[in-house]
Amino acid sequence: GPWRAPADTPPADGVPTSYYSAVRFTCRAHVVDD
């Protein structure tokens, strides 16, 4: 939270969060046996 507090507010008033990347693929699978 302190890292996200706006400039004109006390650091303790900042709200924590997470930064992330999430990707989901839907695929059609083909078995390779050769």
PDB file of all heavy atoms in Angstrom:
ATOM      1  N   GLY A   1       0.782  -1.225   0.000  1.00  0.00           N
ATOM      2  CA  GLY A   1       0.000   0.000   0.000  1.00  0.00           C
ATOM      3  C   GLY A   1       0.815   1.276   0.000  1.00  0.00           C
ATOM      4  O   GLY A   1       0.529   2.202  -0.764  1.00  0.00           O
ATOM      5  N   PRO A   2       1.867   1.376   0.852  1.00  0.00           N
ATOM      6  CA  PRO A   2       2.633   2.631   0.882  1.00  0.00           C
ATOM      7  C   PRO A   2       3.224   3.010  -0.482  1.00  0.00           C
ATOM      8  O   PRO A   2       3.379   4.193  -0.784  1.00  0.00           O
ATOM      9  CB  PRO A   2       3.736   2.353   1.903  1.00  0.00           C
ATOM     10  CG  PRO A   2       3.150   1.310   2.797  1.00  0.00           C
ATOM     11  CD  PRO A   2       2.288   0.455   1.902  1.00  0.00           C
ATOM     12  N   TRP A   3       3.532   2.034  -1.314  1.00  0.00           N
ATOM     13  CA  TRP A   3       4.086   2.313  -2.643  1.00  0.00           C
ATOM     14  C   TRP A   3       3.031   2.895  -3.573  1.00  0.00           C
ATOM     15  O   TRP A   3       3.358   3.509  -4.577  1.00  0.00           O
ATOM     16  CB  TRP A   3       4.644   1.055  -3.282  1.00  0.00           C
ATOM     17  CG  TRP A   3       5.815   0.437  -2.589  1.00  0.00           C
ATOM     18  CD1 TRP A   3       6.452   0.878  -1.465  1.00  0.00           C
ATOM     19  CD2 TRP A   3       6.487  -0.746  -2.987  1.00  0.00           C
ATOM     20  NE1 TRP A   3       7.470   0.042  -1.133  1.00  0.00           N
ATOM     21  CE2 TRP A   3       7.523  -0.972  -2.056  1.00  0.00           C
ATOM     22  CE3 TRP A   3       6.314  -1.647  -4.027  1.00  0.00           C
ATOM     23  CZ2 TRP A   3       8.382  -2.060  -2.136  1.00  0.00           C
ATOM     24  CZ3 TRP A   3       7.176  -2.730  -4.112  1.00  0.00           C
ATOM     25  CH2 TRP A   3       8.202  -2.927  -3.183  1.00  0.00           C
ATOM     26  N   ARG A   4       1.757   2.673  -3.245  1.00  0.00           N
ATOM     27  CA  ARG A   4       0.675   3.103  -4.135  1.00  0.00           C
ATOM     28  C   ARG A   4      -0.052   4.334  -3.629  1.00  0.00           C
ATOM     29  O   ARG A   4      -1.011   4.786  -4.250  1.00  0.00           O
ATOM     30  CB  ARG A   4      -0.335   1.953  -4.304  1.00  0.00           C
ATOM     31  CG  ARG A   4       0.281   0.755  -5.005  1.00  0.00           C
ATOM     32  CD  ARG A   4      -0.770  -0.287  -5.316  1.00  0.00           C
ATOM     33  NE  ARG A   4      -1.609   0.143  -6.424  1.00  0.00           N
ATOM     34  CZ  ARG A   4      -2.927   0.229  -6.356  1.00  0.00           C
ATOM     35  NH1 ARG A   4      -3.577  -0.052  -5.270  1.00  0.00           N
ATOM     36  NH2 ARG A   4      -3.605   0.630  -7.416  1.00  0.00           N
ATOM     37  N   ALA A   5       0.364   4.870  -2.498  1.00  0.00           N
ATOM     38  CA  ALA A   5      -0.325   6.038  -1.936  1.00  0.00           C
ATOM     39  C   ALA A   5      -0.141   7.242  -2.861  1.00  0.00           C
ATOM     40  O   ALA A   5       0.958   7.517  -3.322  1.00  0.00           O
ATOM     41  CB  ALA A   5       0.236   6.355  -0.553  1.00  0.00           C
ATOM     42  N   PRO A   6      -1.236   7.951  -3.149  1.00  0.00           N
ATOM     43  CA  PRO A   6      -1.113   9.171  -3.951  1.00  0.00           C
ATOM     44  C   PRO A   6      -0.164  10.160  -3.259  1.00  0.00           C
ATOM     45  O   PRO A   6       0.008  10.138  -2.038  1.00  0.00           O
ATOM     46  CB  PRO A   6      -2.538   9.723  -3.998  1.00  0.00           C
ATOM     47  CG  PRO A   6      -3.408   8.524  -3.753  1.00  0.00           C
ATOM     48  CD  PRO A   6      -2.626   7.645  -2.811  1.00  0.00           C
ATOM     49  N   ALA A   7       0.424  11.040  -4.018  1.00  0.00           N
ATOM     50  CA  ALA A   7       1.453  11.961  -3.517  1.00  0.00           C
ATOM     51  C   ALA A   7       0.999  12.794  -2.327  1.00  0.00           C
ATOM     52  O   ALA A   7       1.793  13.087  -1.445  1.00  0.00           O
ATOM     53  CB  ALA A   7       1.913  12.862  -4.653  1.00  0.00           C
ATOM     54  N   ASP A   8      -0.265  13.176  -2.268  1.00  0.00           N
ATOM     55  CA  ASP A   8      -0.734  14.081  -1.210  1.00  0.00           C
ATOM     56  C   ASP A   8      -1.383  13.355  -0.037  1.00  0.00           C
ATOM     57  O   ASP A   8      -2.117  13.975   0.738  1.00  0.00           O
ATOM     58  CB  ASP A   8      -1.738  15.081  -1.792  1.00  0.00           C
ATOM     59  CG  ASP A   8      -1.113  15.960  -2.855  1.00  0.00           C
ATOM     60  OD1 ASP A   8       0.129  16.117  -2.837  1.00  0.00           O
ATOM     61  OD2 ASP A   8      -1.850  16.469  -3.713  1.00  0.00           O
ATOM     62  N   THR A   9      -1.133  12.049   0.129  1.00  0.00           N
ATOM     63  CA  THR A   9      -1.750  11.295   1.224  1.00  0.00           C
ATOM     64  C   THR A   9      -0.667  10.577   2.021  1.00  0.00           C
ATOM     65  O   THR A   9       0.426  10.317   1.518  1.00  0.00           O
ATOM     66  CB  THR A   9      -2.754  10.253   0.694  1.00  0.00           C
ATOM     67  OG1 THR A   9      -2.045   9.325  -0.131  1.00  0.00           O
ATOM     68  CG2 THR A   9      -3.869  10.889  -0.097  1.00  0.00           C
ATOM     69  N   PRO A  10      -0.983  10.245   3.282  1.00  0.00           N
ATOM     70  CA  PRO A  10      -0.016   9.490   4.088  1.00  0.00           C
ATOM     71  C   PRO A  10       0.232   8.104   3.450  1.00  0.00           C
ATOM     72  O   PRO A  10      -0.702   7.492   2.913  1.00  0.00           O
ATOM     73  CB  PRO A  10      -0.710   9.330   5.444  1.00  0.00           C
ATOM     74  CG  PRO A  10      -1.782  10.366   5.469  1.00  0.00           C
ATOM     75  CD  PRO A  10      -2.182  10.591   4.041  1.00  0.00           C
ATOM     76  N   PRO A  11       1.477   7.609   3.488  1.00  0.00           N
ATOM     77  CA  PRO A  11       1.783   6.297   2.899  1.00  0.00           C
ATOM     78  C   PRO A  11       0.886   5.164   3.409  1.00  0.00           C
ATOM     79  O   PRO A  11       0.524   4.267   2.648  1.00  0.00           O
ATOM     80  CB  PRO A  11       3.239   6.058   3.300  1.00  0.00           C
ATOM     81  CG  PRO A  11       3.803   7.426   3.488  1.00  0.00           C
ATOM     82  CD  PRO A  11       2.662   8.256   4.019  1.00  0.00           C
ATOM     83  N   ALA A  12       0.466   5.247   4.682  1.00  0.00           N
ATOM     84  CA  ALA A  12      -0.382   4.189   5.237  1.00  0.00           C
ATOM     85  C   ALA A  12      -1.764   4.150   4.593  1.00  0.00           C
ATOM     86  O   ALA A  12      -2.492   3.160   4.737  1.00  0.00           O
ATOM     87  CB  ALA A  12      -0.521   4.358   6.750  1.00  0.00           C
ATOM     88  N   ASP A  13      -2.151   5.217   3.887  1.00  0.00           N
ATOM     89  CA  ASP A  13      -3.457   5.250   3.231  1.00  0.00           C
ATOM     90  C   ASP A  13      -3.435   4.588   1.853  1.00  0.00           C
ATOM     91  O   ASP A  13      -4.474   4.491   1.193  1.00  0.00           O
ATOM     92  CB  ASP A  13      -3.955   6.694   3.091  1.00  0.00           C
ATOM     93  CG  ASP A  13      -4.397   7.284   4.424  1.00  0.00           C
ATOM     94  OD1 ASP A  13      -4.433   6.536   5.427  1.00  0.00           O
ATOM     95  OD2 ASP A  13      -4.696   8.497   4.457  1.00  0.00           O
ATOM     96  N   GLY A  14      -2.266   4.155   1.400  1.00  0.00           N
ATOM     97  CA  GLY A  14      -2.183   3.465   0.117  1.00  0.00           C
ATOM     98  C   GLY A  14      -2.824   2.084   0.208  1.00  0.00           C
ATOM     99  O   GLY A  14      -2.809   1.446   1.258  1.00  0.00           O
ATOM    100  N   VAL A  15      -3.403   1.634  -0.879  1.00  0.00           N
ATOM    101  CA  VAL A  15      -4.081   0.339  -0.918  1.00  0.00           C
ATOM    102  C   VAL A  15      -3.197  -0.658  -1.679  1.00  0.00           C
ATOM    103  O   VAL A  15      -2.818  -0.407  -2.819  1.00  0.00           O
ATOM    104  CB  VAL A  15      -5.462   0.470  -1.613  1.00  0.00           C
ATOM    105  CG1 VAL A  15      -6.141  -0.876  -1.709  1.00  0.00           C
ATOM    106  CG2 VAL A  15      -6.325   1.470  -0.873  1.00  0.00           C
ATOM    107  N   PRO A  16      -2.857  -1.791  -1.047  1.00  0.00           N
ATOM    108  CA  PRO A  16      -2.005  -2.772  -1.728  1.00  0.00           C
ATOM    109  C   PRO A  16      -2.711  -3.428  -2.910  1.00  0.00           C
ATOM    110  O   PRO A  16      -3.941  -3.412  -3.000  1.00  0.00           O
ATOM    111  CB  PRO A  16      -1.691  -3.797  -0.640  1.00  0.00           C
ATOM    112  CG  PRO A  16      -2.773  -3.655   0.361  1.00  0.00           C
ATOM    113  CD  PRO A  16      -3.264  -2.231   0.273  1.00  0.00           C
ATOM    114  N   THR A  17      -1.919  -3.971  -3.809  1.00  0.00           N
ATOM    115  CA  THR A  17      -2.462  -4.691  -4.965  1.00  0.00           C
ATOM    116  C   THR A  17      -1.424  -5.704  -5.425  1.00  0.00           C
ATOM    117  O   THR A  17      -0.368  -5.842  -4.818  1.00  0.00           O
ATOM    118  CB  THR A  17      -2.838  -3.717  -6.107  1.00  0.00           C
ATOM    119  OG1 THR A  17      -3.633  -4.413  -7.065  1.00  0.00           O
ATOM    120  CG2 THR A  17      -1.604  -3.151  -6.796  1.00  0.00           C
ATOM    121  N   SER A  18      -1.725  -6.371  -6.490  1.00  0.00           N
ATOM    122  CA  SER A  18      -0.770  -7.259  -7.145  1.00  0.00           C
ATOM    123  C   SER A  18      -0.650  -6.824  -8.596  1.00  0.00           C
ATOM    124  O   SER A  18      -1.624  -6.388  -9.203  1.00  0.00           O
ATOM    125  CB  SER A  18      -1.264  -8.709  -7.112  1.00  0.00           C
ATOM    126  OG  SER A  18      -1.235  -9.201  -5.805  1.00  0.00           O
ATOM    127  N   TYR A  19       0.547  -6.948  -9.142  1.00  0.00           N
ATOM    128  CA  TYR A  19       0.766  -6.800 -10.579  1.00  0.00           C
ATOM    129  C   TYR A  19       0.876  -8.206 -11.133  1.00  0.00           C
ATOM    130  O   TYR A  19       1.560  -9.052 -10.545  1.00  0.00           O
ATOM    131  CB  TYR A  19       2.063  -6.057 -10.871  1.00  0.00           C
ATOM    132  CG  TYR A  19       2.019  -4.571 -10.640  1.00  0.00           C
ATOM    133  CD1 TYR A  19       3.171  -3.831 -10.746  1.00  0.00           C
ATOM    134  CD2 TYR A  19       0.850  -3.892 -10.337  1.00  0.00           C
ATOM    135  CE1 TYR A  19       3.169  -2.460 -10.564  1.00  0.00           C
ATOM    136  CE2 TYR A  19       0.828  -2.536 -10.155  1.00  0.00           C
ATOM    137  CZ  TYR A  19       1.996  -1.819 -10.260  1.00  0.00           C
ATOM    138  OH  TYR A  19       1.976  -0.463 -10.077  1.00  0.00           O
ATOM    139  N   TYR A  20       0.208  -8.465 -12.250  1.00  0.00           N
ATOM    140  CA  TYR A  20       0.290  -9.810 -12.810  1.00  0.00           C
ATOM    141  C   TYR A  20      -0.054  -9.837 -14.286  1.00  0.00           C
ATOM    142  O   TYR A  20      -0.665  -8.918 -14.816  1.00  0.00           O
ATOM    143  CB  TYR A  20      -0.614 -10.780 -12.053  1.00  0.00           C
ATOM    144  CG  TYR A  20      -2.084 -10.440 -12.118  1.00  0.00           C
ATOM    145  CD1 TYR A  20      -2.875 -10.883 -13.170  1.00  0.00           C
ATOM    146  CD2 TYR A  20      -2.679  -9.683 -11.118  1.00  0.00           C
ATOM    147  CE1 TYR A  20      -4.219 -10.568 -13.228  1.00  0.00           C
ATOM    148  CE2 TYR A  20      -4.020  -9.370 -11.166  1.00  0.00           C
ATOM    149  CZ  TYR A  20      -4.788  -9.811 -12.227  1.00  0.00           C
ATOM    150  OH  TYR A  20      -6.111  -9.497 -12.282  1.00  0.00           O
ATOM    151  N   SER A  21       0.378 -10.920 -14.886  1.00  0.00           N
ATOM    152  CA  SER A  21       0.025 -11.263 -16.264  1.00  0.00           C
ATOM    153  C   SER A  21      -0.554 -12.666 -16.210  1.00  0.00           C
ATOM    154  O   SER A  21       0.042 -13.553 -15.612  1.00  0.00           O
ATOM    155  CB  SER A  21       1.265 -11.302 -17.161  1.00  0.00           C
ATOM    156  OG  SER A  21       1.973 -10.114 -17.082  1.00  0.00           O
ATOM    157  N   ALA A  22      -1.690 -12.851 -16.828  1.00  0.00           N
ATOM    158  CA  ALA A  22      -2.302 -14.172 -16.869  1.00  0.00           C
ATOM    159  C   ALA A  22      -2.827 -14.428 -18.276  1.00  0.00           C
ATOM    160  O   ALA A  22      -3.502 -13.570 -18.848  1.00  0.00           O
ATOM    161  CB  ALA A  22      -3.447 -14.271 -15.861  1.00  0.00           C
ATOM    162  N   VAL A  23      -2.475 -15.564 -18.827  1.00  0.00           N
ATOM    163  CA  VAL A  23      -2.915 -15.915 -20.170  1.00  0.00           C
ATOM    164  C   VAL A  23      -3.438 -17.342 -20.145  1.00  0.00           C
ATOM    165  O   VAL A  23      -2.795 -18.239 -19.598  1.00  0.00           O
ATOM    166  CB  VAL A  23      -1.757 -15.802 -21.195  1.00  0.00           C
ATOM    167  CG1 VAL A  23      -2.240 -16.156 -22.593  1.00  0.00           C
ATOM    168  CG2 VAL A  23      -1.159 -14.407 -21.177  1.00  0.00           C
ATOM    169  N   ARG A  24      -4.615 -17.531 -20.725  1.00  0.00           N
ATOM    170  CA  ARG A  24      -5.196 -18.877 -20.834  1.00  0.00           C
ATOM    171  C   ARG A  24      -5.415 -19.167 -22.309  1.00  0.00           C
ATOM    172  O   ARG A  24      -6.016 -18.372 -23.032  1.00  0.00           O
ATOM    173  CB  ARG A  24      -6.515 -18.964 -20.085  1.00  0.00           C
ATOM    174  CG  ARG A  24      -7.090 -20.381 -20.112  1.00  0.00           C
ATOM    175  CD  ARG A  24      -8.421 -20.455 -19.421  1.00  0.00           C
ATOM    176  NE  ARG A  24      -9.425 -19.935 -20.335  1.00  0.00           N
ATOM    177  CZ  ARG A  24     -10.637 -19.558 -19.975  1.00  0.00           C
ATOM    178  NH1 ARG A  24     -10.991 -19.598 -18.722  1.00  0.00           N
ATOM    179  NH2 ARG A  24     -11.497 -19.127 -20.862  1.00  0.00           N
ATOM    180  N   PHE A  25      -4.897 -20.308 -22.737  1.00  0.00           N
ATOM    181  CA  PHE A  25      -5.069 -20.747 -24.115  1.00  0.00           C
ATOM    182  C   PHE A  25      -6.037 -21.915 -24.147  1.00  0.00           C
ATOM    183  O   PHE A  25      -5.962 -22.800 -23.307  1.00  0.00           O
ATOM    184  CB  PHE A  25      -3.740 -21.257 -24.704  1.00  0.00           C
ATOM    185  CG  PHE A  25      -2.694 -20.204 -24.825  1.00  0.00           C
ATOM    186  CD1 PHE A  25      -1.743 -20.028 -23.842  1.00  0.00           C
ATOM    187  CD2 PHE A  25      -2.656 -19.388 -25.944  1.00  0.00           C
ATOM    188  CE1 PHE A  25      -0.765 -19.062 -23.960  1.00  0.00           C
ATOM    189  CE2 PHE A  25      -1.674 -18.413 -26.067  1.00  0.00           C
ATOM    190  CZ  PHE A  25      -0.730 -18.257 -25.070  1.00  0.00           C
ATOM    191  N   THR A  26      -6.932 -21.931 -25.104  1.00  0.00           N
ATOM    192  CA  THR A  26      -7.738 -23.107 -25.402  1.00  0.00           C
ATOM    193  C   THR A  26      -7.152 -23.673 -26.686  1.00  0.00           C
ATOM    194  O   THR A  26      -6.935 -22.938 -27.660  1.00  0.00           O
ATOM    195  CB  THR A  26      -9.215 -22.737 -25.612  1.00  0.00           C
ATOM    196  OG1 THR A  26      -9.687 -22.058 -24.429  1.00  0.00           O
ATOM    197  CG2 THR A  26     -10.066 -23.963 -25.878  1.00  0.00           C
ATOM    198  N   CYS A  27      -6.854 -24.970 -26.651  1.00  0.00           N
ATOM    199  CA  CYS A  27      -6.147 -25.587 -27.774  1.00  0.00           C
ATOM    200  C   CYS A  27      -6.822 -26.877 -28.208  1.00  0.00           C
ATOM    201  O   CYS A  27      -7.501 -27.533 -27.427  1.00  0.00           O
ATOM    202  CB  CYS A  27      -4.713 -25.930 -27.374  1.00  0.00           C
ATOM    203  SG  CYS A  27      -3.753 -24.547 -26.791  1.00  0.00           S
ATOM    204  N   ARG A  28      -6.591 -27.233 -29.459  1.00  0.00           N
ATOM    205  CA  ARG A  28      -6.952 -28.544 -29.983  1.00  0.00           C
ATOM    206  C   ARG A  28      -5.633 -29.312 -30.067  1.00  0.00           C
ATOM    207  O   ARG A  28      -4.696 -28.876 -30.738  1.00  0.00           O
ATOM    208  CB  ARG A  28      -7.598 -28.428 -31.353  1.00  0.00           C
ATOM    209  CG  ARG A  28      -8.048 -29.761 -31.921  1.00  0.00           C
ATOM    210  CD  ARG A  28      -8.934 -29.598 -33.153  1.00  0.00           C
ATOM    211  NE  ARG A  28     -10.220 -29.018 -32.763  1.00  0.00           N
ATOM    212  CZ  ARG A  28     -10.628 -27.788 -33.093  1.00  0.00           C
ATOM    213  NH1 ARG A  28      -9.874 -27.005 -33.813  1.00  0.00           N
ATOM    214  NH2 ARG A  28     -11.803 -27.335 -32.703  1.00  0.00           N
ATOM    215  N   ALA A  29      -5.550 -30.433 -29.366  1.00  0.00           N
ATOM    216  CA  ALA A  29      -4.308 -31.206 -29.295  1.00  0.00           C
ATOM    217  C   ALA A  29      -4.288 -32.310 -30.348  1.00  0.00           C
ATOM    218  O   ALA A  29      -5.301 -32.960 -30.598  1.00  0.00           O
ATOM    219  CB  ALA A  29      -4.155 -31.819 -27.908  1.00  0.00           C
ATOM    220  N   HIS A  30      -3.119 -32.484 -30.938  1.00  0.00           N
ATOM    221  CA  HIS A  30      -2.892 -33.563 -31.907  1.00  0.00           C
ATOM    222  C   HIS A  30      -1.715 -34.386 -31.412  1.00  0.00           C
ATOM    223  O   HIS A  30      -0.620 -33.842 -31.204  1.00  0.00           O
ATOM    224  CB  HIS A  30      -2.582 -32.996 -33.299  1.00  0.00           C
ATOM    225  CG  HIS A  30      -3.634 -32.069 -33.805  1.00  0.00           C
ATOM    226  ND1 HIS A  30      -4.775 -32.512 -34.424  1.00  0.00           N
ATOM    227  CD2 HIS A  30      -3.729 -30.721 -33.754  1.00  0.00           C
ATOM    228  CE1 HIS A  30      -5.523 -31.472 -34.748  1.00  0.00           C
ATOM    229  NE2 HIS A  30      -4.916 -30.371 -34.343  1.00  0.00           N
ATOM    230  N   VAL A  31      -1.936 -35.667 -31.206  1.00  0.00           N
ATOM    231  CA  VAL A  31      -0.884 -36.547 -30.718  1.00  0.00           C
ATOM    232  C   VAL A  31       0.131 -36.782 -31.835  1.00  0.00           C
ATOM    233  O   VAL A  31      -0.233 -37.025 -32.985  1.00  0.00           O
ATOM    234  CB  VAL A  31      -1.478 -37.897 -30.237  1.00  0.00           C
ATOM    235  CG1 VAL A  31      -0.377 -38.864 -29.836  1.00  0.00           C
ATOM    236  CG2 VAL A  31      -2.442 -37.653 -29.081  1.00  0.00           C
ATOM    237  N   VAL A  32       1.408 -36.716 -31.470  1.00  0.00           N
ATOM    238  CA  VAL A  32       2.495 -36.958 -32.410  1.00  0.00           C
ATOM    239  C   VAL A  32       3.170 -38.261 -32.003  1.00  0.00           C
ATOM    240  O   VAL A  32       3.789 -38.334 -30.951  1.00  0.00           O
ATOM    241  CB  VAL A  32       3.522 -35.798 -32.384  1.00  0.00           C
ATOM    242  CG1 VAL A  32       4.697 -36.093 -33.302  1.00  0.00           C
ATOM    243  CG2 VAL A  32       2.846 -34.486 -32.746  1.00  0.00           C
ATOM    244  N   ASP A  33       3.001 -39.300 -32.813  1.00  0.00           N
ATOM    245  CA  ASP A  33       3.598 -40.599 -32.516  1.00  0.00           C
ATOM    246  C   ASP A  33       4.664 -41.018 -33.517  1.00  0.00           C
ATOM    247  O   ASP A  33       5.462 -41.899 -33.225  1.00  0.00           O
ATOM    248  CB  ASP A  33       2.515 -41.689 -32.459  1.00  0.00           C
ATOM    249  CG  ASP A  33       1.888 -41.805 -31.081  1.00  0.00           C
ATOM    250  OD1 ASP A  33       2.567 -41.479 -30.086  1.00  0.00           O
ATOM    251  OD2 ASP A  33       0.729 -42.216 -30.992  1.00  0.00           O
ATOM    252  N   ASP A  34       4.691 -40.418 -34.697  1.00  0.00           N
ATOM    253  CA  ASP A  34       5.676 -40.779 -35.698  1.00  0.00           C
ATOM    254  C   ASP A  34       7.070 -40.447 -35.174  1.00  0.00           C
ATOM    255  O   ASP A  34       7.326 -39.315 -34.728  1.00  0.00           O
ATOM    256  CB  ASP A  34       5.412 -40.006 -36.997  1.00  0.00           C
ATOM    257  CG  ASP A  34       6.466 -40.303 -38.041  1.00  0.00           C
ATOM    258  OD1 ASP A  34       6.418 -41.407 -38.619  1.00  0.00           O
ATOM    259  OD2 ASP A  34       7.338 -39.420 -38.248  1.00  0.00           O
TER     260      ASP A  34
END
